[in-house]
């Protein structure tokens, strides 16, 4: 899907630079850090918006209201765009310039892989399974959880450097192939064969 079409569907301005967080509205998902990063970027006179897509979980009622109030208090309510959950995530990704995996700790965030596969550069937290998904910062960019200024720095780096933006985009897209269903099944089959083989290869001592 083309970016212009996706943004039209989501009512996002076509000319803006937009980063996004896609997932349930939850304190552990780090949307607060993303909003604070947008405030930091505004202070640097950078026109960046954040698109936050998702609904509250049962145990997080009131957190969405908190996030909207925070955006208003920080003076970035015009830069923070909230949209409800949708099962059709392709337009959500297509509307973005950068995907942010802002979770404090995410075991295996498949949205990260999906973003890379669609050619969206990823900035993710250096925690949980995200570093592995981003090939320890080689296929994406890592920052420390809850560090809004650090996140702002990473966004700024891609915003201002088109060559770096395209490099991370290409590396992420290539790396995402390692997580295809076909390759993952082949790896599981190979592991099963090694475990069940009557004559598994002997480990080589160092």
N, C-alpha and C. Protein backbone atom coordinates (compact mmCIF):
# COMPACT_ATOMS: atom_id res chain seq x y z
N UNK A 1 0.84 -1.19 0.00
CA UNK A 1 0.00 0.00 0.00
C UNK A 1 0.87 1.25 0.00
N UNK A 2 0.50 2.25 -0.78
CA UNK A 2 1.25 3.48 -0.85
C UNK A 2 1.04 4.31 0.43
N UNK A 3 2.09 5.06 0.81
CA UNK A 3 2.03 5.87 2.03
C UNK A 3 0.89 6.88 1.97
N UNK A 4 0.73 7.54 0.83
CA UNK A 4 -0.30 8.56 0.71
C UNK A 4 -1.69 7.98 0.94
N UNK A 5 -1.95 6.79 0.38
CA UNK A 5 -3.24 6.14 0.56
C UNK A 5 -3.46 5.74 2.01
N UNK A 6 -2.41 5.20 2.64
CA UNK A 6 -2.50 4.77 4.04
C UNK A 6 -2.79 5.96 4.95
N UNK A 7 -2.13 7.06 4.69
CA UNK A 7 -2.33 8.24 5.54
C UNK A 7 -3.72 8.83 5.35
N UNK A 8 -4.22 8.73 4.15
CA UNK A 8 -5.58 9.21 3.91
C UNK A 8 -6.58 8.39 4.71
N UNK A 9 -6.36 7.06 4.77
CA UNK A 9 -7.25 6.18 5.53
C UNK A 9 -7.21 6.50 7.03
N UNK A 10 -6.01 6.85 7.53
CA UNK A 10 -5.83 7.08 8.96
C UNK A 10 -5.93 8.55 9.35
N UNK A 11 -6.26 9.39 8.37
CA UNK A 11 -6.39 10.83 8.61
C UNK A 11 -5.10 11.42 9.17
N UNK A 12 -3.99 11.07 8.50
CA UNK A 12 -2.67 11.56 8.88
C UNK A 12 -2.17 12.48 7.77
N UNK A 13 -1.68 13.68 8.10
CA UNK A 13 -1.19 14.60 7.07
C UNK A 13 -0.14 13.94 6.18
N UNK A 14 -0.28 14.11 4.88
CA UNK A 14 0.59 13.41 3.93
C UNK A 14 2.02 13.93 3.92
N UNK A 15 2.23 15.18 4.33
CA UNK A 15 3.56 15.78 4.20
C UNK A 15 4.40 15.67 5.47
N UNK A 16 3.83 15.18 6.57
CA UNK A 16 4.55 15.16 7.83
C UNK A 16 5.50 13.96 7.95
N UNK A 17 6.53 14.12 8.78
CA UNK A 17 7.40 13.01 9.16
C UNK A 17 6.76 12.36 10.37
N UNK A 18 6.41 11.07 10.24
CA UNK A 18 5.60 10.41 11.27
C UNK A 18 6.29 9.14 11.78
N UNK A 19 6.45 9.07 13.10
CA UNK A 19 6.90 7.85 13.75
C UNK A 19 5.68 7.21 14.39
N UNK A 20 5.75 5.92 14.70
CA UNK A 20 4.55 5.29 15.24
C UNK A 20 4.80 4.16 16.20
N UNK A 21 3.84 3.99 17.11
CA UNK A 21 3.81 2.88 18.05
C UNK A 21 2.51 2.13 17.82
N UNK A 22 2.61 0.85 17.52
CA UNK A 22 1.42 0.04 17.24
C UNK A 22 1.33 -1.08 18.28
N UNK A 23 0.24 -1.12 19.01
CA UNK A 23 0.08 -2.15 20.04
C UNK A 23 -0.89 -1.68 21.10
N UNK A 24 -1.18 -2.54 22.03
CA UNK A 24 -2.17 -2.19 23.05
C UNK A 24 -1.68 -1.00 23.89
N UNK A 25 -2.62 -0.20 24.36
CA UNK A 25 -2.31 0.96 25.20
C UNK A 25 -2.05 0.44 26.61
N UNK A 26 -0.80 0.44 27.00
CA UNK A 26 -0.39 -0.22 28.23
C UNK A 26 0.90 0.45 28.72
N UNK A 27 1.04 0.62 30.02
CA UNK A 27 2.24 1.27 30.57
C UNK A 27 3.51 0.56 30.13
N UNK A 28 3.44 -0.77 30.01
CA UNK A 28 4.63 -1.53 29.63
C UNK A 28 5.01 -1.33 28.17
N UNK A 29 4.10 -0.77 27.38
CA UNK A 29 4.37 -0.59 25.96
C UNK A 29 5.15 0.70 25.65
N UNK A 30 5.28 1.57 26.62
CA UNK A 30 6.17 2.71 26.46
C UNK A 30 5.65 3.88 25.65
N UNK A 31 4.34 3.99 25.47
CA UNK A 31 3.82 5.13 24.70
C UNK A 31 4.17 6.46 25.36
N UNK A 32 4.28 6.47 26.68
CA UNK A 32 4.62 7.71 27.37
C UNK A 32 5.98 8.23 26.92
N UNK A 33 6.96 7.34 26.79
CA UNK A 33 8.29 7.75 26.35
C UNK A 33 8.25 8.33 24.94
N UNK A 34 7.42 7.74 24.09
CA UNK A 34 7.30 8.23 22.72
C UNK A 34 6.74 9.66 22.71
N UNK A 35 5.75 9.92 23.55
CA UNK A 35 5.17 11.27 23.61
C UNK A 35 6.20 12.26 24.15
N UNK A 36 6.93 11.86 25.17
CA UNK A 36 7.95 12.75 25.73
C UNK A 36 9.08 13.00 24.72
N UNK A 37 9.37 12.01 23.90
CA UNK A 37 10.39 12.20 22.86
C UNK A 37 9.93 13.23 21.83
N UNK A 38 8.63 13.21 21.52
CA UNK A 38 8.09 14.20 20.58
C UNK A 38 8.21 15.61 21.16
N UNK A 39 8.00 15.74 22.46
CA UNK A 39 8.20 17.03 23.12
C UNK A 39 9.64 17.47 22.98
N UNK A 40 10.56 16.57 23.20
CA UNK A 40 11.99 16.88 23.07
C UNK A 40 12.32 17.34 21.65
N UNK A 41 11.76 16.66 20.67
CA UNK A 41 12.00 17.03 19.28
C UNK A 41 11.38 18.39 18.94
N UNK A 42 10.23 18.67 19.52
CA UNK A 42 9.61 19.97 19.31
C UNK A 42 10.50 21.08 19.86
N UNK A 43 11.12 20.82 21.01
CA UNK A 43 12.04 21.79 21.59
C UNK A 43 13.24 22.04 20.68
N UNK A 44 13.54 21.06 19.83
CA UNK A 44 14.66 21.20 18.89
C UNK A 44 14.18 21.74 17.53
N UNK A 45 12.95 22.21 17.50
CA UNK A 45 12.35 22.77 16.28
C UNK A 45 12.27 21.74 15.15
N UNK A 46 11.95 20.51 15.51
CA UNK A 46 11.80 19.44 14.52
C UNK A 46 10.33 19.07 14.40
N UNK A 47 9.81 19.10 13.19
CA UNK A 47 8.40 18.81 12.94
C UNK A 47 8.18 17.31 12.76
N UNK A 48 8.02 16.63 13.87
CA UNK A 48 7.80 15.18 13.87
C UNK A 48 6.51 14.89 14.63
N UNK A 49 5.70 14.00 14.08
CA UNK A 49 4.48 13.56 14.75
C UNK A 49 4.62 12.09 15.13
N UNK A 50 3.86 11.68 16.16
CA UNK A 50 3.82 10.27 16.53
C UNK A 50 2.39 9.76 16.39
N UNK A 51 2.25 8.63 15.73
CA UNK A 51 0.96 7.97 15.55
C UNK A 51 0.89 6.80 16.53
N UNK A 52 -0.06 6.85 17.45
CA UNK A 52 -0.22 5.80 18.47
C UNK A 52 -1.50 5.05 18.16
N UNK A 53 -1.34 3.77 17.82
CA UNK A 53 -2.48 2.95 17.39
C UNK A 53 -2.69 1.80 18.37
N UNK A 54 -3.90 1.69 18.90
CA UNK A 54 -4.21 0.58 19.80
C UNK A 54 -5.31 0.93 20.77
N UNK A 55 -5.78 -0.08 21.49
CA UNK A 55 -6.81 0.10 22.51
C UNK A 55 -6.24 -0.28 23.87
N UNK A 56 -6.88 0.19 24.91
CA UNK A 56 -6.46 -0.15 26.27
C UNK A 56 -6.71 -1.62 26.57
N UNK A 57 -5.82 -2.19 27.38
CA UNK A 57 -6.08 -3.53 27.89
C UNK A 57 -7.03 -3.41 29.08
N UNK A 58 -7.60 -4.54 29.49
CA UNK A 58 -8.60 -4.53 30.56
C UNK A 58 -8.04 -3.91 31.84
N UNK A 59 -6.78 -4.20 32.13
CA UNK A 59 -6.20 -3.72 33.38
C UNK A 59 -5.61 -2.32 33.30
N UNK A 60 -5.72 -1.69 32.14
CA UNK A 60 -5.10 -0.38 31.95
C UNK A 60 -6.13 0.71 31.65
N UNK A 61 -7.37 0.53 32.10
CA UNK A 61 -8.41 1.53 31.88
C UNK A 61 -7.98 2.87 32.48
N UNK A 62 -8.06 3.90 31.68
CA UNK A 62 -7.67 5.23 32.14
C UNK A 62 -6.30 5.64 31.64
N UNK A 63 -5.51 4.70 31.13
CA UNK A 63 -4.17 5.04 30.68
C UNK A 63 -4.21 5.86 29.39
N UNK A 64 -5.17 5.59 28.54
CA UNK A 64 -5.31 6.38 27.31
C UNK A 64 -5.62 7.84 27.65
N UNK A 65 -6.50 8.03 28.63
CA UNK A 65 -6.82 9.39 29.08
C UNK A 65 -5.56 10.06 29.63
N UNK A 66 -4.77 9.30 30.37
CA UNK A 66 -3.51 9.83 30.91
C UNK A 66 -2.59 10.28 29.79
N UNK A 67 -2.45 9.46 28.74
CA UNK A 67 -1.56 9.80 27.64
C UNK A 67 -2.02 11.05 26.90
N UNK A 68 -3.32 11.16 26.69
CA UNK A 68 -3.86 12.34 26.02
C UNK A 68 -3.65 13.59 26.87
N UNK A 69 -3.85 13.45 28.18
CA UNK A 69 -3.63 14.57 29.09
C UNK A 69 -2.16 14.97 29.09
N UNK A 70 -1.28 13.97 29.06
CA UNK A 70 0.16 14.24 29.04
C UNK A 70 0.54 15.02 27.80
N UNK A 71 0.01 14.61 26.64
CA UNK A 71 0.31 15.31 25.40
C UNK A 71 -0.13 16.77 25.48
N UNK A 72 -1.28 17.01 26.09
CA UNK A 72 -1.79 18.38 26.24
C UNK A 72 -0.90 19.18 27.18
N UNK A 73 -0.53 18.57 28.31
CA UNK A 73 0.30 19.26 29.30
C UNK A 73 1.67 19.62 28.72
N UNK A 74 2.19 18.78 27.83
CA UNK A 74 3.49 19.02 27.23
C UNK A 74 3.40 19.94 26.02
N UNK A 75 2.18 20.28 25.63
CA UNK A 75 2.00 21.16 24.48
C UNK A 75 2.25 20.50 23.15
N UNK A 76 2.04 19.17 23.08
CA UNK A 76 2.27 18.46 21.81
C UNK A 76 1.02 17.73 21.35
N UNK A 77 -0.14 18.19 21.79
CA UNK A 77 -1.38 17.50 21.42
C UNK A 77 -1.60 17.50 19.90
N UNK A 78 -1.03 18.47 19.20
CA UNK A 78 -1.16 18.51 17.75
C UNK A 78 -0.17 17.57 17.06
N UNK A 79 0.85 17.16 17.80
CA UNK A 79 1.87 16.26 17.24
C UNK A 79 1.64 14.79 17.60
N UNK A 80 0.68 14.53 18.49
CA UNK A 80 0.40 13.16 18.92
C UNK A 80 -0.97 12.75 18.38
N UNK A 81 -0.97 11.74 17.52
CA UNK A 81 -2.19 11.28 16.86
C UNK A 81 -2.59 9.92 17.41
N UNK A 82 -3.76 9.82 18.01
CA UNK A 82 -4.26 8.57 18.55
C UNK A 82 -5.26 7.95 17.58
N UNK A 83 -5.12 6.67 17.31
CA UNK A 83 -6.06 5.94 16.48
C UNK A 83 -6.39 4.61 17.15
N UNK A 84 -7.62 4.12 17.02
CA UNK A 84 -8.02 2.87 17.68
C UNK A 84 -7.40 1.64 17.02
N UNK A 85 -7.48 0.53 17.71
CA UNK A 85 -6.98 -0.75 17.20
C UNK A 85 -7.68 -1.11 15.89
N UNK A 86 -6.92 -1.70 14.99
CA UNK A 86 -7.47 -2.25 13.76
C UNK A 86 -6.75 -3.54 13.43
N UNK A 87 -7.48 -4.50 12.90
CA UNK A 87 -6.86 -5.78 12.53
C UNK A 87 -6.09 -5.66 11.22
N UNK A 88 -6.35 -4.60 10.47
CA UNK A 88 -5.66 -4.37 9.21
C UNK A 88 -4.45 -3.48 9.49
N UNK A 89 -3.31 -4.11 9.78
CA UNK A 89 -2.14 -3.34 10.20
C UNK A 89 -1.31 -2.81 9.05
N UNK A 90 -1.53 -3.31 7.85
CA UNK A 90 -0.71 -2.86 6.71
C UNK A 90 -0.77 -1.36 6.52
N UNK A 91 -1.96 -0.74 6.51
CA UNK A 91 -2.00 0.72 6.38
C UNK A 91 -1.30 1.43 7.54
N UNK A 92 -1.36 0.83 8.73
CA UNK A 92 -0.72 1.43 9.89
C UNK A 92 0.79 1.54 9.69
N UNK A 93 1.39 0.47 9.21
CA UNK A 93 2.81 0.48 8.93
C UNK A 93 3.13 1.40 7.75
N UNK A 94 2.32 1.30 6.72
CA UNK A 94 2.57 2.07 5.49
C UNK A 94 2.54 3.56 5.74
N UNK A 95 1.81 4.00 6.75
CA UNK A 95 1.69 5.42 7.04
C UNK A 95 2.91 5.99 7.75
N UNK A 96 3.81 5.11 8.20
CA UNK A 96 4.93 5.54 9.05
C UNK A 96 6.21 5.79 8.27
N UNK A 97 7.02 6.69 8.81
CA UNK A 97 8.39 6.86 8.35
C UNK A 97 9.33 6.03 9.21
N UNK A 98 9.00 5.89 10.49
CA UNK A 98 9.78 5.08 11.42
C UNK A 98 8.82 4.35 12.35
N UNK A 99 9.11 3.07 12.62
CA UNK A 99 8.34 2.31 13.62
C UNK A 99 9.14 2.30 14.92
N UNK A 100 8.45 2.52 16.02
CA UNK A 100 9.09 2.50 17.34
C UNK A 100 8.57 1.33 18.15
N UNK A 101 9.47 0.43 18.54
CA UNK A 101 9.14 -0.61 19.51
C UNK A 101 9.57 -0.06 20.86
N UNK A 102 8.63 0.58 21.56
CA UNK A 102 8.96 1.33 22.78
C UNK A 102 8.72 0.55 24.06
N UNK A 103 8.36 -0.73 23.95
CA UNK A 103 8.04 -1.52 25.14
C UNK A 103 9.21 -1.58 26.11
N UNK A 104 8.90 -1.53 27.39
CA UNK A 104 9.93 -1.63 28.41
C UNK A 104 10.66 -2.96 28.29
N UNK A 105 9.91 -4.02 28.02
CA UNK A 105 10.52 -5.32 27.76
C UNK A 105 9.54 -6.15 26.96
N UNK A 106 9.90 -6.45 25.72
CA UNK A 106 9.03 -7.20 24.82
C UNK A 106 9.71 -8.53 24.49
N UNK A 107 9.08 -9.67 24.84
CA UNK A 107 9.73 -10.96 24.56
C UNK A 107 10.04 -11.14 23.07
N UNK A 108 9.01 -11.23 22.25
CA UNK A 108 9.19 -11.34 20.79
C UNK A 108 8.12 -10.49 20.13
N UNK A 109 8.46 -9.29 19.74
CA UNK A 109 7.49 -8.39 19.14
C UNK A 109 7.40 -8.60 17.64
N UNK A 110 6.41 -9.36 17.20
CA UNK A 110 6.30 -9.65 15.78
C UNK A 110 6.00 -8.39 14.97
N UNK A 111 5.44 -7.36 15.61
CA UNK A 111 5.22 -6.11 14.89
C UNK A 111 6.56 -5.52 14.45
N UNK A 112 7.62 -5.79 15.21
CA UNK A 112 8.95 -5.33 14.83
C UNK A 112 9.39 -5.99 13.53
N UNK A 113 9.19 -7.30 13.44
CA UNK A 113 9.56 -8.04 12.23
C UNK A 113 8.70 -7.58 11.05
N UNK A 114 7.41 -7.38 11.31
CA UNK A 114 6.51 -6.94 10.25
C UNK A 114 6.93 -5.58 9.70
N UNK A 115 7.32 -4.68 10.60
CA UNK A 115 7.76 -3.36 10.16
C UNK A 115 8.99 -3.47 9.28
N UNK A 116 9.97 -4.26 9.71
CA UNK A 116 11.19 -4.43 8.92
C UNK A 116 10.87 -5.03 7.55
N UNK A 117 10.00 -6.04 7.55
CA UNK A 117 9.65 -6.71 6.29
C UNK A 117 9.00 -5.76 5.31
N UNK A 118 8.31 -4.75 5.82
CA UNK A 118 7.63 -3.78 4.97
C UNK A 118 8.53 -2.58 4.63
N UNK A 119 9.78 -2.66 5.05
CA UNK A 119 10.72 -1.60 4.72
C UNK A 119 10.61 -0.36 5.58
N UNK A 120 10.12 -0.52 6.82
CA UNK A 120 10.02 0.60 7.75
C UNK A 120 11.18 0.52 8.74
N UNK A 121 12.05 1.52 8.81
CA UNK A 121 13.15 1.48 9.79
C UNK A 121 12.60 1.37 11.20
N UNK A 122 13.27 0.60 12.05
CA UNK A 122 12.81 0.35 13.40
C UNK A 122 13.78 0.93 14.42
N UNK A 123 13.24 1.64 15.39
CA UNK A 123 13.98 2.05 16.58
C UNK A 123 13.34 1.33 17.74
N UNK A 124 14.11 0.50 18.45
CA UNK A 124 13.53 -0.32 19.52
C UNK A 124 14.33 -0.27 20.81
N UNK A 125 13.67 -0.66 21.89
CA UNK A 125 14.32 -0.66 23.20
C UNK A 125 15.36 -1.76 23.29
N UNK A 126 16.42 -1.45 24.02
CA UNK A 126 17.50 -2.41 24.22
C UNK A 126 17.15 -3.31 25.40
N UNK A 127 16.08 -4.10 25.24
CA UNK A 127 15.62 -4.98 26.31
C UNK A 127 14.77 -6.10 25.72
N UNK A 128 14.57 -7.15 26.51
CA UNK A 128 13.75 -8.28 26.06
C UNK A 128 14.32 -8.91 24.79
N UNK A 129 13.42 -9.27 23.88
CA UNK A 129 13.85 -9.92 22.64
C UNK A 129 14.12 -8.95 21.51
N UNK A 130 13.90 -7.66 21.73
CA UNK A 130 14.07 -6.68 20.65
C UNK A 130 15.49 -6.60 20.12
N UNK A 131 16.54 -6.60 20.97
CA UNK A 131 17.90 -6.56 20.42
C UNK A 131 18.18 -7.71 19.46
N UNK A 132 17.69 -8.90 19.78
CA UNK A 132 17.90 -10.04 18.88
C UNK A 132 17.17 -9.83 17.56
N UNK A 133 15.94 -9.34 17.62
CA UNK A 133 15.17 -9.11 16.40
C UNK A 133 15.85 -8.07 15.52
N UNK A 134 16.52 -7.10 16.15
CA UNK A 134 17.21 -6.05 15.40
C UNK A 134 18.68 -6.37 15.19
N UNK A 135 19.03 -7.64 15.39
CA UNK A 135 20.41 -8.10 15.16
C UNK A 135 21.39 -7.24 15.96
N UNK A 136 21.03 -7.03 17.22
CA UNK A 136 21.85 -6.26 18.16
C UNK A 136 22.23 -4.88 17.62
N UNK A 137 21.27 -4.25 16.98
CA UNK A 137 21.48 -2.89 16.51
C UNK A 137 22.04 -2.78 15.10
N UNK A 138 22.20 -3.92 14.42
CA UNK A 138 22.71 -3.89 13.05
C UNK A 138 21.59 -3.77 12.02
N UNK A 139 20.40 -4.20 12.39
CA UNK A 139 19.26 -4.14 11.46
C UNK A 139 18.21 -3.13 11.91
N UNK A 140 18.53 -2.41 12.94
CA UNK A 140 17.64 -1.39 13.49
C UNK A 140 18.45 -0.58 14.49
N UNK A 141 17.80 0.31 15.19
CA UNK A 141 18.50 1.17 16.14
C UNK A 141 17.95 0.93 17.54
N UNK A 142 18.84 0.81 18.51
CA UNK A 142 18.44 0.53 19.88
C UNK A 142 18.61 1.76 20.78
N UNK A 143 17.72 1.85 21.77
CA UNK A 143 17.84 2.89 22.80
C UNK A 143 17.38 2.29 24.12
N UNK A 144 17.75 2.91 25.22
CA UNK A 144 17.42 2.37 26.53
C UNK A 144 15.95 2.64 26.88
N UNK A 145 15.26 1.67 27.47
CA UNK A 145 13.85 1.84 27.81
C UNK A 145 13.62 3.06 28.71
N UNK A 146 12.48 3.72 28.51
CA UNK A 146 12.07 4.88 29.31
C UNK A 146 12.99 6.09 29.15
N UNK A 147 13.84 6.07 28.14
CA UNK A 147 14.77 7.18 27.91
C UNK A 147 14.25 8.02 26.75
N UNK A 148 13.37 8.97 27.05
CA UNK A 148 12.74 9.76 26.00
C UNK A 148 13.75 10.59 25.22
N UNK A 149 14.73 11.13 25.91
CA UNK A 149 15.74 11.94 25.22
C UNK A 149 16.57 11.05 24.29
N UNK A 150 16.90 9.86 24.77
CA UNK A 150 17.66 8.94 23.93
C UNK A 150 16.86 8.55 22.69
N UNK A 151 15.57 8.34 22.85
CA UNK A 151 14.71 8.02 21.72
C UNK A 151 14.65 9.19 20.75
N UNK A 152 14.54 10.40 21.29
CA UNK A 152 14.52 11.59 20.45
C UNK A 152 15.81 11.71 19.64
N UNK A 153 16.94 11.39 20.28
CA UNK A 153 18.23 11.44 19.58
C UNK A 153 18.25 10.48 18.40
N UNK A 154 17.70 9.28 18.60
CA UNK A 154 17.71 8.27 17.53
C UNK A 154 16.79 8.69 16.39
N UNK A 155 15.62 9.23 16.74
CA UNK A 155 14.70 9.71 15.70
C UNK A 155 15.36 10.84 14.91
N UNK A 156 15.98 11.76 15.63
CA UNK A 156 16.64 12.89 14.97
C UNK A 156 17.72 12.41 14.00
N UNK A 157 18.47 11.38 14.41
CA UNK A 157 19.53 10.87 13.56
C UNK A 157 19.02 10.38 12.22
N UNK A 158 17.87 9.70 12.22
CA UNK A 158 17.31 9.21 10.96
C UNK A 158 16.58 10.31 10.21
N UNK A 159 16.00 11.23 10.94
CA UNK A 159 15.28 12.36 10.33
C UNK A 159 16.22 13.24 9.52
N UNK A 160 17.41 13.44 10.04
CA UNK A 160 18.36 14.36 9.40
C UNK A 160 19.30 13.69 8.42
N UNK A 161 19.44 12.38 8.50
CA UNK A 161 20.41 11.67 7.68
C UNK A 161 19.72 10.68 6.75
N UNK A 162 19.45 11.11 5.52
CA UNK A 162 18.75 10.25 4.57
C UNK A 162 19.51 9.00 4.22
N UNK A 163 20.83 9.08 4.16
CA UNK A 163 21.64 7.90 3.83
C UNK A 163 21.53 6.85 4.92
N UNK A 164 21.59 7.31 6.18
CA UNK A 164 21.47 6.37 7.31
C UNK A 164 20.06 5.78 7.36
N UNK A 165 19.08 6.61 7.08
CA UNK A 165 17.69 6.14 7.03
C UNK A 165 17.55 5.01 6.02
N UNK A 166 18.06 5.21 4.83
CA UNK A 166 17.95 4.19 3.78
C UNK A 166 18.77 2.95 4.10
N UNK A 167 19.91 3.14 4.76
CA UNK A 167 20.76 2.00 5.13
C UNK A 167 20.05 1.10 6.14
N UNK A 168 19.49 1.70 7.19
CA UNK A 168 18.78 0.93 8.21
C UNK A 168 17.54 0.27 7.61
N UNK A 169 16.88 0.98 6.74
CA UNK A 169 15.69 0.43 6.08
C UNK A 169 16.04 -0.83 5.29
N UNK A 170 17.12 -0.77 4.53
CA UNK A 170 17.52 -1.92 3.70
C UNK A 170 18.00 -3.09 4.56
N UNK A 171 18.79 -2.79 5.60
CA UNK A 171 19.30 -3.85 6.46
C UNK A 171 18.16 -4.54 7.22
N UNK A 172 17.21 -3.76 7.69
CA UNK A 172 16.07 -4.34 8.40
C UNK A 172 15.24 -5.23 7.52
N UNK A 173 15.00 -4.78 6.30
CA UNK A 173 14.19 -5.58 5.37
C UNK A 173 14.88 -6.90 5.06
N UNK A 174 16.18 -6.86 4.87
CA UNK A 174 16.93 -8.09 4.58
C UNK A 174 16.93 -9.02 5.79
N UNK A 175 17.15 -8.45 6.97
CA UNK A 175 17.22 -9.27 8.19
C UNK A 175 15.88 -9.91 8.51
N UNK A 176 14.78 -9.28 8.15
CA UNK A 176 13.45 -9.81 8.46
C UNK A 176 13.22 -11.16 7.79
N UNK A 177 13.96 -11.44 6.72
CA UNK A 177 13.78 -12.71 6.01
C UNK A 177 14.16 -13.89 6.89
N UNK A 178 15.02 -13.66 7.87
CA UNK A 178 15.43 -14.74 8.76
C UNK A 178 14.30 -15.22 9.65
N UNK A 179 13.22 -14.43 9.73
CA UNK A 179 12.10 -14.78 10.60
C UNK A 179 10.88 -15.25 9.81
N UNK A 180 11.08 -15.59 8.55
CA UNK A 180 9.97 -16.11 7.75
C UNK A 180 9.54 -17.47 8.28
N UNK A 181 8.28 -17.82 8.04
CA UNK A 181 7.76 -19.11 8.51
C UNK A 181 8.57 -20.26 7.94
N UNK A 182 8.95 -20.16 6.69
CA UNK A 182 9.69 -21.22 6.03
C UNK A 182 11.02 -21.47 6.72
N UNK A 183 11.76 -20.40 6.97
CA UNK A 183 13.06 -20.55 7.60
C UNK A 183 12.93 -21.03 9.04
N UNK A 184 11.95 -20.51 9.76
CA UNK A 184 11.76 -20.93 11.14
C UNK A 184 11.39 -22.41 11.22
N UNK A 185 10.55 -22.88 10.30
CA UNK A 185 10.19 -24.31 10.27
C UNK A 185 11.40 -25.17 9.95
N UNK A 186 12.22 -24.70 9.01
CA UNK A 186 13.42 -25.45 8.66
C UNK A 186 14.37 -25.55 9.85
N UNK A 187 14.48 -24.48 10.62
CA UNK A 187 15.36 -24.49 11.80
C UNK A 187 14.84 -25.46 12.85
N UNK A 188 13.50 -25.49 13.05
CA UNK A 188 12.92 -26.42 14.02
C UNK A 188 13.12 -27.85 13.57
N UNK A 189 12.93 -28.11 12.29
CA UNK A 189 13.13 -29.46 11.75
C UNK A 189 14.59 -29.90 11.92
N UNK A 190 15.50 -28.98 11.67
CA UNK A 190 16.92 -29.30 11.81
C UNK A 190 17.26 -29.61 13.26
N UNK A 191 16.69 -28.81 14.20
CA UNK A 191 16.95 -29.06 15.62
C UNK A 191 16.37 -30.40 16.04
N UNK A 192 15.14 -30.71 15.57
CA UNK A 192 14.53 -32.00 15.91
C UNK A 192 15.36 -33.16 15.37
N UNK A 193 15.86 -33.00 14.14
CA UNK A 193 16.70 -34.06 13.56
C UNK A 193 17.94 -34.29 14.40
N UNK A 194 18.56 -33.22 14.84
CA UNK A 194 19.78 -33.34 15.64
C UNK A 194 19.50 -34.00 16.99
N UNK A 195 18.34 -33.66 17.59
CA UNK A 195 18.00 -34.23 18.89
C UNK A 195 17.61 -35.70 18.80
N UNK A 196 16.98 -36.09 17.69
CA UNK A 196 16.47 -37.45 17.56
C UNK A 196 17.42 -38.38 16.84
N UNK A 197 18.45 -37.84 16.24
CA UNK A 197 19.39 -38.67 15.50
C UNK A 197 20.11 -39.62 16.44
N UNK A 198 20.23 -40.91 16.06
CA UNK A 198 20.93 -41.87 16.93
C UNK A 198 22.42 -41.58 17.01
N UNK A 199 22.94 -40.86 16.05
CA UNK A 199 24.37 -40.53 16.05
C UNK A 199 24.58 -39.03 15.85
N UNK A 200 24.16 -38.24 16.83
CA UNK A 200 24.34 -36.79 16.69
C UNK A 200 25.82 -36.43 16.64
N UNK A 201 26.18 -35.38 15.96
CA UNK A 201 27.59 -35.00 15.87
C UNK A 201 28.14 -34.67 17.25
N UNK A 202 29.38 -35.11 17.49
CA UNK A 202 30.01 -34.86 18.78
C UNK A 202 30.45 -33.42 18.88
N UNK A 203 30.27 -32.86 20.06
CA UNK A 203 30.71 -31.48 20.27
C UNK A 203 32.23 -31.42 20.21
N UNK A 204 32.73 -30.40 19.64
CA UNK A 204 34.17 -30.24 19.53
C UNK A 204 34.68 -29.48 20.74
N UNK A 205 35.61 -30.09 21.45
CA UNK A 205 36.15 -29.42 22.64
C UNK A 205 37.13 -28.33 22.24
N UNK A 206 37.14 -27.25 23.00
CA UNK A 206 38.02 -26.13 22.71
C UNK A 206 39.38 -26.35 23.36
